[in-house]
Amino acid sequence: MRQIACPTCGRLGETVIGDYHYLESGLDNVWLCDIELFHCPCGEEGPLIPRPIELHNLIGACLVSQKHPLSGREIRFLRKRLALTGIKFANLLGVDNATLSRWENDKEKPSSLADRCIRLLYAACMGLHQEAKELAEEIFAQIKPLATKAPIHIRTDPSGRLTCAPAC
């Protein structure tokens, strides 16, 4: 697609459009669809991450609206997006820091009420008023305790805006 200088060797490398499993988010179910991927003859390669702050905000919005219980990694992702320490986040939720740690490390599952509180706290703090309203009115009732985690696909639309997509 285009040539750019390699950050490792300085030579020109090529970019291609493709899908990328975005493990750097700390989550194992996030895919970036149709983004530029860099390849250099020296072996350096990786994605050109579009608008990372907007991307992480969108991932958070996708997480709070999904119908499966939050995993430990998802709880940690939301807490970090709020720039809160474990102690501060636990205090806001009314739980002990050790309890939060067990949740984030998947040693214990939060109750459905705690799961909902985490989602609502994130949505309210991040200014996701529509998501907070939907959570309160509709989504909470649809979270299924035994539902499996679904992949998150992020796509760039023709105007360059990031959106949640059904699949790559």
N, C-alpha and C. Protein backbone atom coordinates (compact mmCIF):
# COMPACT_ATOMS: atom_id res chain seq x y z
N MET A 1 0.82 -1.19 0.00
CA MET A 1 0.00 0.00 0.00
C MET A 1 0.87 1.26 0.00
N ARG A 2 1.76 1.37 1.00
CA ARG A 2 2.68 2.50 1.01
C ARG A 2 3.97 2.06 1.67
N GLN A 3 5.00 2.87 1.45
CA GLN A 3 6.30 2.57 2.04
C GLN A 3 6.56 3.56 3.17
N ILE A 4 7.08 3.04 4.29
CA ILE A 4 7.48 3.90 5.41
C ILE A 4 8.80 3.39 5.96
N ALA A 5 9.52 4.28 6.64
CA ALA A 5 10.82 3.92 7.20
C ALA A 5 10.63 3.01 8.40
N CYS A 6 11.45 2.00 8.47
CA CYS A 6 11.42 1.04 9.57
C CYS A 6 11.98 1.70 10.83
N PRO A 7 11.30 1.59 11.97
CA PRO A 7 11.81 2.18 13.19
C PRO A 7 13.05 1.48 13.74
N THR A 8 13.31 0.25 13.27
CA THR A 8 14.46 -0.52 13.75
C THR A 8 15.70 -0.29 12.90
N CYS A 9 15.57 -0.46 11.57
CA CYS A 9 16.75 -0.40 10.70
C CYS A 9 16.79 0.86 9.83
N GLY A 10 15.69 1.56 9.70
CA GLY A 10 15.65 2.77 8.88
C GLY A 10 15.36 2.53 7.41
N ARG A 11 15.38 1.27 6.98
CA ARG A 11 15.07 0.98 5.57
C ARG A 11 13.58 1.13 5.33
N LEU A 12 13.22 1.20 4.04
CA LEU A 12 11.81 1.32 3.70
C LEU A 12 11.14 -0.05 3.79
N GLY A 13 9.99 -0.05 4.45
CA GLY A 13 9.18 -1.25 4.55
C GLY A 13 7.83 -0.98 3.91
N GLU A 14 7.10 -2.01 3.65
CA GLU A 14 5.79 -1.91 2.99
C GLU A 14 4.67 -2.08 4.00
N THR A 15 3.55 -1.48 3.70
CA THR A 15 2.36 -1.74 4.49
C THR A 15 1.34 -2.45 3.61
N VAL A 16 0.55 -3.29 4.26
CA VAL A 16 -0.56 -3.97 3.60
C VAL A 16 -1.78 -3.82 4.49
N ILE A 17 -2.95 -4.03 3.92
CA ILE A 17 -4.18 -3.99 4.70
C ILE A 17 -4.51 -5.41 5.16
N GLY A 18 -4.82 -5.54 6.43
CA GLY A 18 -5.16 -6.86 6.95
C GLY A 18 -5.81 -6.76 8.31
N ASP A 19 -6.02 -7.91 8.92
CA ASP A 19 -6.62 -7.99 10.24
C ASP A 19 -5.51 -8.28 11.25
N TYR A 20 -5.69 -7.79 12.47
CA TYR A 20 -4.66 -7.92 13.48
C TYR A 20 -5.29 -8.30 14.81
N HIS A 21 -4.76 -9.35 15.43
CA HIS A 21 -5.21 -9.78 16.76
C HIS A 21 -4.52 -8.87 17.78
N TYR A 22 -5.28 -7.95 18.34
CA TYR A 22 -4.75 -6.86 19.16
C TYR A 22 -4.57 -7.29 20.62
N LEU A 23 -3.57 -8.11 20.87
CA LEU A 23 -3.28 -8.60 22.21
C LEU A 23 -2.70 -7.52 23.12
N GLU A 24 -2.13 -6.47 22.53
CA GLU A 24 -1.55 -5.39 23.32
C GLU A 24 -2.58 -4.69 24.19
N SER A 25 -3.85 -4.88 23.90
CA SER A 25 -4.91 -4.28 24.70
C SER A 25 -5.01 -4.95 26.07
N GLY A 26 -4.40 -6.12 26.22
CA GLY A 26 -4.55 -6.89 27.44
C GLY A 26 -5.73 -7.85 27.36
N LEU A 27 -6.43 -7.83 26.23
CA LEU A 27 -7.59 -8.70 26.02
C LEU A 27 -7.26 -9.69 24.92
N ASP A 28 -7.84 -10.87 25.00
CA ASP A 28 -7.54 -11.88 23.99
C ASP A 28 -8.61 -11.99 22.91
N ASN A 29 -9.62 -11.12 22.96
CA ASN A 29 -10.72 -11.25 22.00
C ASN A 29 -10.93 -9.98 21.18
N VAL A 30 -9.87 -9.18 20.98
CA VAL A 30 -9.99 -7.95 20.20
C VAL A 30 -9.23 -8.11 18.88
N TRP A 31 -9.93 -7.86 17.79
CA TRP A 31 -9.35 -7.90 16.45
C TRP A 31 -9.53 -6.55 15.80
N LEU A 32 -8.47 -6.03 15.20
CA LEU A 32 -8.55 -4.80 14.41
C LEU A 32 -8.65 -5.24 12.95
N CYS A 33 -9.71 -4.82 12.31
CA CYS A 33 -10.00 -5.28 10.96
C CYS A 33 -9.62 -4.22 9.93
N ASP A 34 -9.03 -4.67 8.85
CA ASP A 34 -8.70 -3.80 7.72
C ASP A 34 -7.82 -2.61 8.14
N ILE A 35 -6.75 -2.90 8.88
CA ILE A 35 -5.81 -1.83 9.24
C ILE A 35 -4.49 -2.06 8.52
N GLU A 36 -3.64 -1.04 8.53
CA GLU A 36 -2.33 -1.17 7.90
C GLU A 36 -1.41 -2.01 8.78
N LEU A 37 -0.75 -2.96 8.15
CA LEU A 37 0.24 -3.81 8.82
C LEU A 37 1.59 -3.54 8.16
N PHE A 38 2.61 -3.27 8.96
CA PHE A 38 3.94 -2.92 8.46
C PHE A 38 4.81 -4.16 8.39
N HIS A 39 5.56 -4.29 7.29
CA HIS A 39 6.52 -5.38 7.11
C HIS A 39 7.82 -4.79 6.56
N CYS A 40 8.95 -5.10 7.20
CA CYS A 40 10.27 -4.63 6.73
C CYS A 40 11.14 -5.84 6.40
N PRO A 41 12.03 -5.71 5.43
CA PRO A 41 12.94 -6.82 5.11
C PRO A 41 13.79 -7.27 6.30
N CYS A 42 14.03 -6.38 7.29
CA CYS A 42 14.84 -6.75 8.45
C CYS A 42 14.09 -7.68 9.41
N GLY A 43 12.80 -7.86 9.16
CA GLY A 43 12.01 -8.73 10.02
C GLY A 43 11.06 -7.98 10.94
N GLU A 44 11.24 -6.69 11.06
CA GLU A 44 10.34 -5.88 11.89
C GLU A 44 8.95 -5.87 11.25
N GLU A 45 7.93 -6.08 12.07
CA GLU A 45 6.56 -6.02 11.56
C GLU A 45 5.61 -5.69 12.69
N GLY A 46 4.46 -5.19 12.32
CA GLY A 46 3.46 -4.87 13.32
C GLY A 46 2.38 -3.98 12.73
N PRO A 47 1.35 -3.73 13.53
CA PRO A 47 0.23 -2.92 13.05
C PRO A 47 0.51 -1.43 13.19
N LEU A 48 -0.11 -0.63 12.36
CA LEU A 48 -0.12 0.81 12.54
C LEU A 48 -1.46 1.10 13.22
N ILE A 49 -1.44 1.25 14.53
CA ILE A 49 -2.66 1.37 15.32
C ILE A 49 -3.31 2.73 15.07
N PRO A 50 -4.55 2.72 14.59
CA PRO A 50 -5.24 3.99 14.33
C PRO A 50 -5.81 4.59 15.62
N ARG A 51 -5.54 5.85 15.88
CA ARG A 51 -6.13 6.61 16.99
C ARG A 51 -6.30 5.76 18.25
N PRO A 52 -5.19 5.45 18.95
CA PRO A 52 -5.26 4.51 20.08
C PRO A 52 -6.19 4.94 21.21
N ILE A 53 -6.29 6.21 21.50
CA ILE A 53 -7.19 6.63 22.58
C ILE A 53 -8.64 6.36 22.19
N GLU A 54 -9.01 6.75 20.97
CA GLU A 54 -10.36 6.48 20.48
C GLU A 54 -10.61 4.98 20.41
N LEU A 55 -9.60 4.23 19.99
CA LEU A 55 -9.70 2.78 19.90
C LEU A 55 -10.01 2.17 21.26
N HIS A 56 -9.27 2.57 22.29
CA HIS A 56 -9.47 2.00 23.62
C HIS A 56 -10.81 2.45 24.22
N ASN A 57 -11.24 3.67 23.91
CA ASN A 57 -12.56 4.11 24.35
C ASN A 57 -13.64 3.24 23.72
N LEU A 58 -13.48 2.93 22.44
CA LEU A 58 -14.46 2.10 21.74
C LEU A 58 -14.46 0.67 22.28
N ILE A 59 -13.29 0.13 22.55
CA ILE A 59 -13.23 -1.22 23.13
C ILE A 59 -13.98 -1.22 24.47
N GLY A 60 -13.76 -0.21 25.29
CA GLY A 60 -14.48 -0.12 26.56
C GLY A 60 -15.98 -0.07 26.36
N ALA A 61 -16.44 0.74 25.40
CA ALA A 61 -17.87 0.84 25.11
C ALA A 61 -18.41 -0.51 24.64
N CYS A 62 -17.64 -1.23 23.83
CA CYS A 62 -18.06 -2.56 23.38
C CYS A 62 -18.17 -3.51 24.57
N LEU A 63 -17.21 -3.45 25.48
CA LEU A 63 -17.23 -4.34 26.64
C LEU A 63 -18.45 -4.12 27.51
N VAL A 64 -18.78 -2.86 27.80
CA VAL A 64 -19.91 -2.63 28.71
C VAL A 64 -21.24 -3.02 28.09
N SER A 65 -21.31 -3.11 26.77
CA SER A 65 -22.58 -3.44 26.13
C SER A 65 -22.69 -4.92 25.74
N GLN A 66 -21.64 -5.70 25.94
CA GLN A 66 -21.73 -7.12 25.59
C GLN A 66 -22.60 -7.88 26.58
N LYS A 67 -23.12 -8.98 26.14
CA LYS A 67 -24.10 -9.72 26.93
C LYS A 67 -23.51 -10.87 27.74
N HIS A 68 -22.21 -11.01 27.76
CA HIS A 68 -21.58 -12.04 28.59
C HIS A 68 -21.01 -11.39 29.85
N PRO A 69 -20.85 -12.16 30.92
CA PRO A 69 -20.23 -11.59 32.12
C PRO A 69 -18.81 -11.13 31.81
N LEU A 70 -18.38 -10.07 32.47
CA LEU A 70 -17.03 -9.56 32.27
C LEU A 70 -16.00 -10.55 32.77
N SER A 71 -14.93 -10.73 32.02
CA SER A 71 -13.81 -11.56 32.46
C SER A 71 -12.88 -10.70 33.31
N GLY A 72 -11.94 -11.34 33.96
CA GLY A 72 -10.97 -10.60 34.76
C GLY A 72 -10.17 -9.60 33.93
N ARG A 73 -9.74 -10.02 32.75
CA ARG A 73 -8.98 -9.11 31.89
C ARG A 73 -9.83 -7.93 31.45
N GLU A 74 -11.11 -8.18 31.22
CA GLU A 74 -12.00 -7.09 30.81
C GLU A 74 -12.22 -6.10 31.95
N ILE A 75 -12.36 -6.62 33.16
CA ILE A 75 -12.49 -5.73 34.33
C ILE A 75 -11.24 -4.88 34.48
N ARG A 76 -10.06 -5.50 34.36
CA ARG A 76 -8.79 -4.77 34.47
C ARG A 76 -8.68 -3.71 33.37
N PHE A 77 -9.09 -4.07 32.15
CA PHE A 77 -9.04 -3.11 31.05
C PHE A 77 -9.89 -1.88 31.38
N LEU A 78 -11.12 -2.12 31.84
CA LEU A 78 -12.01 -0.99 32.16
C LEU A 78 -11.44 -0.15 33.30
N ARG A 79 -10.90 -0.79 34.32
CA ARG A 79 -10.30 -0.05 35.44
C ARG A 79 -9.13 0.82 34.96
N LYS A 80 -8.28 0.24 34.14
CA LYS A 80 -7.13 1.00 33.65
C LYS A 80 -7.55 2.15 32.75
N ARG A 81 -8.61 1.94 31.94
CA ARG A 81 -9.12 3.04 31.11
C ARG A 81 -9.62 4.19 31.97
N LEU A 82 -10.09 3.89 33.17
CA LEU A 82 -10.53 4.93 34.10
C LEU A 82 -9.36 5.53 34.86
N ALA A 83 -8.16 4.99 34.65
CA ALA A 83 -6.94 5.46 35.32
C ALA A 83 -7.08 5.37 36.84
N LEU A 84 -7.65 4.25 37.30
CA LEU A 84 -7.84 4.05 38.73
C LEU A 84 -6.94 2.93 39.23
N THR A 85 -6.41 3.11 40.43
CA THR A 85 -5.68 2.03 41.08
C THR A 85 -6.68 0.97 41.49
N GLY A 86 -6.17 -0.21 41.78
CA GLY A 86 -7.04 -1.27 42.26
C GLY A 86 -7.75 -0.88 43.54
N ILE A 87 -7.04 -0.23 44.44
CA ILE A 87 -7.63 0.18 45.72
C ILE A 87 -8.76 1.18 45.50
N LYS A 88 -8.53 2.19 44.66
CA LYS A 88 -9.56 3.21 44.41
C LYS A 88 -10.77 2.58 43.73
N PHE A 89 -10.54 1.74 42.73
CA PHE A 89 -11.64 1.09 42.01
C PHE A 89 -12.44 0.20 42.96
N ALA A 90 -11.74 -0.59 43.78
CA ALA A 90 -12.41 -1.46 44.75
C ALA A 90 -13.26 -0.62 45.71
N ASN A 91 -12.71 0.50 46.18
CA ASN A 91 -13.47 1.36 47.08
C ASN A 91 -14.73 1.90 46.41
N LEU A 92 -14.63 2.31 45.15
CA LEU A 92 -15.80 2.81 44.43
C LEU A 92 -16.88 1.73 44.29
N LEU A 93 -16.44 0.49 44.15
CA LEU A 93 -17.38 -0.63 43.99
C LEU A 93 -17.87 -1.17 45.33
N GLY A 94 -17.24 -0.73 46.42
CA GLY A 94 -17.63 -1.20 47.74
C GLY A 94 -17.16 -2.60 48.05
N VAL A 95 -16.01 -2.98 47.48
CA VAL A 95 -15.43 -4.30 47.75
C VAL A 95 -14.00 -4.13 48.23
N ASP A 96 -13.48 -5.18 48.80
CA ASP A 96 -12.09 -5.21 49.26
C ASP A 96 -11.15 -5.29 48.06
N ASN A 97 -9.96 -4.71 48.18
CA ASN A 97 -8.98 -4.77 47.10
C ASN A 97 -8.62 -6.21 46.74
N ALA A 98 -8.58 -7.10 47.73
CA ALA A 98 -8.27 -8.51 47.47
C ALA A 98 -9.36 -9.15 46.61
N THR A 99 -10.60 -8.76 46.84
CA THR A 99 -11.71 -9.27 46.02
C THR A 99 -11.54 -8.83 44.58
N LEU A 100 -11.25 -7.54 44.38
CA LEU A 100 -11.02 -7.04 43.02
C LEU A 100 -9.87 -7.79 42.37
N SER A 101 -8.80 -8.02 43.10
CA SER A 101 -7.66 -8.75 42.57
C SER A 101 -8.06 -10.16 42.12
N ARG A 102 -8.88 -10.83 42.92
CA ARG A 102 -9.35 -12.17 42.53
C ARG A 102 -10.20 -12.11 41.26
N TRP A 103 -11.02 -11.06 41.14
CA TRP A 103 -11.82 -10.90 39.93
C TRP A 103 -10.93 -10.70 38.72
N GLU A 104 -9.97 -9.77 38.85
CA GLU A 104 -9.11 -9.43 37.71
C GLU A 104 -8.21 -10.58 37.31
N ASN A 105 -7.91 -11.48 38.23
CA ASN A 105 -7.05 -12.62 37.92
C ASN A 105 -7.85 -13.89 37.65
N ASP A 106 -9.16 -13.74 37.46
CA ASP A 106 -10.06 -14.85 37.15
C ASP A 106 -10.00 -15.98 38.18
N LYS A 107 -9.73 -15.63 39.41
CA LYS A 107 -9.75 -16.62 40.49
C LYS A 107 -11.14 -16.69 41.12
N GLU A 108 -11.94 -15.66 40.86
CA GLU A 108 -13.30 -15.58 41.38
C GLU A 108 -14.11 -14.72 40.41
N LYS A 109 -15.36 -15.06 40.24
CA LYS A 109 -16.24 -14.26 39.36
C LYS A 109 -17.00 -13.25 40.21
N PRO A 110 -17.11 -12.01 39.71
CA PRO A 110 -17.95 -11.06 40.43
C PRO A 110 -19.42 -11.47 40.32
N SER A 111 -20.20 -11.07 41.30
CA SER A 111 -21.64 -11.34 41.22
C SER A 111 -22.21 -10.59 40.03
N SER A 112 -23.41 -10.96 39.62
CA SER A 112 -24.03 -10.24 38.51
C SER A 112 -24.26 -8.78 38.87
N LEU A 113 -24.54 -8.51 40.14
CA LEU A 113 -24.72 -7.11 40.57
C LEU A 113 -23.40 -6.34 40.47
N ALA A 114 -22.29 -6.96 40.90
CA ALA A 114 -20.98 -6.30 40.79
C ALA A 114 -20.61 -6.07 39.33
N ASP A 115 -20.88 -7.06 38.47
CA ASP A 115 -20.62 -6.93 37.04
C ASP A 115 -21.37 -5.72 36.49
N ARG A 116 -22.62 -5.59 36.84
CA ARG A 116 -23.43 -4.46 36.36
C ARG A 116 -22.90 -3.14 36.91
N CYS A 117 -22.48 -3.13 38.17
CA CYS A 117 -21.93 -1.90 38.76
C CYS A 117 -20.65 -1.47 38.05
N ILE A 118 -19.79 -2.43 37.71
CA ILE A 118 -18.56 -2.12 36.99
C ILE A 118 -18.90 -1.46 35.65
N ARG A 119 -19.84 -2.05 34.92
CA ARG A 119 -20.23 -1.52 33.62
C ARG A 119 -20.82 -0.12 33.75
N LEU A 120 -21.71 0.05 34.71
CA LEU A 120 -22.36 1.33 34.89
C LEU A 120 -21.37 2.39 35.34
N LEU A 121 -20.46 2.04 36.26
CA LEU A 121 -19.43 2.97 36.72
C LEU A 121 -18.57 3.42 35.54
N TYR A 122 -18.14 2.47 34.71
CA TYR A 122 -17.31 2.81 33.55
C TYR A 122 -18.08 3.73 32.60
N ALA A 123 -19.31 3.35 32.27
CA ALA A 123 -20.10 4.14 31.32
C ALA A 123 -20.33 5.54 31.85
N ALA A 124 -20.64 5.66 33.13
CA ALA A 124 -20.89 6.99 33.71
C ALA A 124 -19.62 7.83 33.74
N CYS A 125 -18.51 7.24 34.14
CA CYS A 125 -17.24 7.98 34.24
C CYS A 125 -16.70 8.39 32.87
N MET A 126 -16.95 7.57 31.87
CA MET A 126 -16.43 7.86 30.53
C MET A 126 -17.40 8.71 29.71
N GLY A 127 -18.51 9.07 30.31
CA GLY A 127 -19.46 9.92 29.59
C GLY A 127 -20.24 9.18 28.52
N LEU A 128 -20.39 7.89 28.68
CA LEU A 128 -21.14 7.08 27.72
C LEU A 128 -22.61 7.06 28.15
N HIS A 129 -23.24 8.21 28.11
CA HIS A 129 -24.59 8.33 28.65
C HIS A 129 -25.58 7.41 27.95
N GLN A 130 -25.48 7.30 26.64
CA GLN A 130 -26.40 6.41 25.93
C GLN A 130 -26.18 4.97 26.38
N GLU A 131 -24.89 4.56 26.49
CA GLU A 131 -24.60 3.20 26.93
C GLU A 131 -25.08 2.99 28.35
N ALA A 132 -24.89 3.98 29.24
CA ALA A 132 -25.34 3.84 30.62
C ALA A 132 -26.86 3.69 30.67
N LYS A 133 -27.55 4.47 29.87
CA LYS A 133 -29.02 4.39 29.82
C LYS A 133 -29.45 3.02 29.31
N GLU A 134 -28.81 2.54 28.23
CA GLU A 134 -29.16 1.24 27.69
C GLU A 134 -28.87 0.13 28.69
N LEU A 135 -27.72 0.25 29.41
CA LEU A 135 -27.39 -0.76 30.41
C LEU A 135 -28.49 -0.83 31.46
N ALA A 136 -28.92 0.32 31.93
CA ALA A 136 -29.92 0.35 32.98
C ALA A 136 -31.28 -0.15 32.49
N GLU A 137 -31.63 0.12 31.25
CA GLU A 137 -32.95 -0.22 30.76
C GLU A 137 -33.06 -1.59 30.13
N GLU A 138 -32.00 -2.04 29.47
CA GLU A 138 -32.15 -3.20 28.61
C GLU A 138 -31.05 -4.23 28.77
N ILE A 139 -29.80 -3.84 28.73
CA ILE A 139 -28.71 -4.79 28.63
C ILE A 139 -28.54 -5.61 29.90
N PHE A 140 -28.70 -4.99 31.07
CA PHE A 140 -28.53 -5.74 32.31
C PHE A 140 -29.39 -6.99 32.33
N ALA A 141 -30.63 -6.86 31.88
CA ALA A 141 -31.55 -7.99 31.90
C ALA A 141 -31.12 -9.09 30.93
N GLN A 142 -30.27 -8.76 29.96
CA GLN A 142 -29.92 -9.73 28.94
C GLN A 142 -28.57 -10.40 29.15
N ILE A 143 -27.81 -9.98 30.17
CA ILE A 143 -26.51 -10.62 30.42
C ILE A 143 -26.78 -12.04 30.89
N LYS A 144 -26.22 -12.98 30.19
CA LYS A 144 -26.46 -14.38 30.49
C LYS A 144 -25.24 -14.96 31.19
N PRO A 145 -25.39 -15.43 32.42
CA PRO A 145 -24.25 -15.90 33.21
C PRO A 145 -23.39 -16.96 32.53
N LEU A 146 -23.98 -17.80 31.70
CA LEU A 146 -23.21 -18.87 31.07
C LEU A 146 -22.84 -18.57 29.63
N ALA A 147 -23.11 -17.35 29.16
CA ALA A 147 -22.77 -17.00 27.79
C ALA A 147 -21.26 -16.98 27.62
N THR A 148 -20.79 -17.35 26.46
CA THR A 148 -19.35 -17.37 26.19
C THR A 148 -18.89 -16.01 25.67
N LYS A 149 -17.62 -15.73 25.88
CA LYS A 149 -17.03 -14.48 25.45
C LYS A 149 -17.02 -14.42 23.93
N ALA A 150 -17.39 -13.27 23.39
CA ALA A 150 -17.43 -13.08 21.95
C ALA A 150 -16.26 -12.22 21.50
N PRO A 151 -15.75 -12.43 20.29
CA PRO A 151 -14.67 -11.58 19.80
C PRO A 151 -15.16 -10.15 19.57
N ILE A 152 -14.27 -9.21 19.74
CA ILE A 152 -14.55 -7.81 19.46
C ILE A 152 -13.81 -7.46 18.18
N HIS A 153 -14.53 -6.99 17.17
CA HIS A 153 -13.91 -6.59 15.92
C HIS A 153 -14.09 -5.08 15.78
N ILE A 154 -12.98 -4.39 15.56
CA ILE A 154 -12.99 -2.94 15.36
C ILE A 154 -12.67 -2.68 13.90
N ARG A 155 -13.48 -1.87 13.25
CA ARG A 155 -13.29 -1.57 11.84
C ARG A 155 -13.20 -0.06 11.65
N THR A 156 -12.42 0.36 10.69
CA THR A 156 -12.36 1.76 10.30
C THR A 156 -13.31 1.96 9.13
N ASP A 157 -14.27 2.86 9.28
CA ASP A 157 -15.21 3.09 8.17
C ASP A 157 -14.57 4.03 7.15
N PRO A 158 -15.20 4.25 6.00
CA PRO A 158 -14.60 5.07 4.94
C PRO A 158 -14.23 6.48 5.39
N SER A 159 -14.92 7.01 6.40
CA SER A 159 -14.59 8.36 6.87
C SER A 159 -13.43 8.35 7.86
N GLY A 160 -12.92 7.15 8.20
CA GLY A 160 -11.80 7.06 9.13
C GLY A 160 -12.22 6.87 10.57
N ARG A 161 -13.53 6.79 10.84
CA ARG A 161 -14.04 6.61 12.18
C ARG A 161 -13.97 5.15 12.57
N LEU A 162 -13.66 4.86 13.84
CA LEU A 162 -13.60 3.49 14.33
C LEU A 162 -14.99 3.08 14.81
N THR A 163 -15.40 1.84 14.50
CA THR A 163 -16.69 1.34 14.94
C THR A 163 -16.58 -0.12 15.33
N CYS A 164 -17.48 -0.57 16.20
CA CYS A 164 -17.59 -2.02 16.50
C CYS A 164 -18.20 -2.66 15.26
N ALA A 165 -17.64 -3.80 14.88
CA ALA A 165 -18.13 -4.50 13.70
C ALA A 165 -18.52 -5.91 14.09
N PRO A 166 -19.46 -6.51 13.38
CA PRO A 166 -19.86 -7.89 13.71
C PRO A 166 -18.71 -8.88 13.55
N ALA A 167 -17.90 -8.74 12.51
CA ALA A 167 -16.75 -9.63 12.28
C ALA A 167 -15.88 -9.03 11.19
N CYS A 168 -14.64 -9.49 11.13
CA CYS A 168 -13.71 -9.00 10.10
C CYS A 168 -14.07 -9.59 8.76
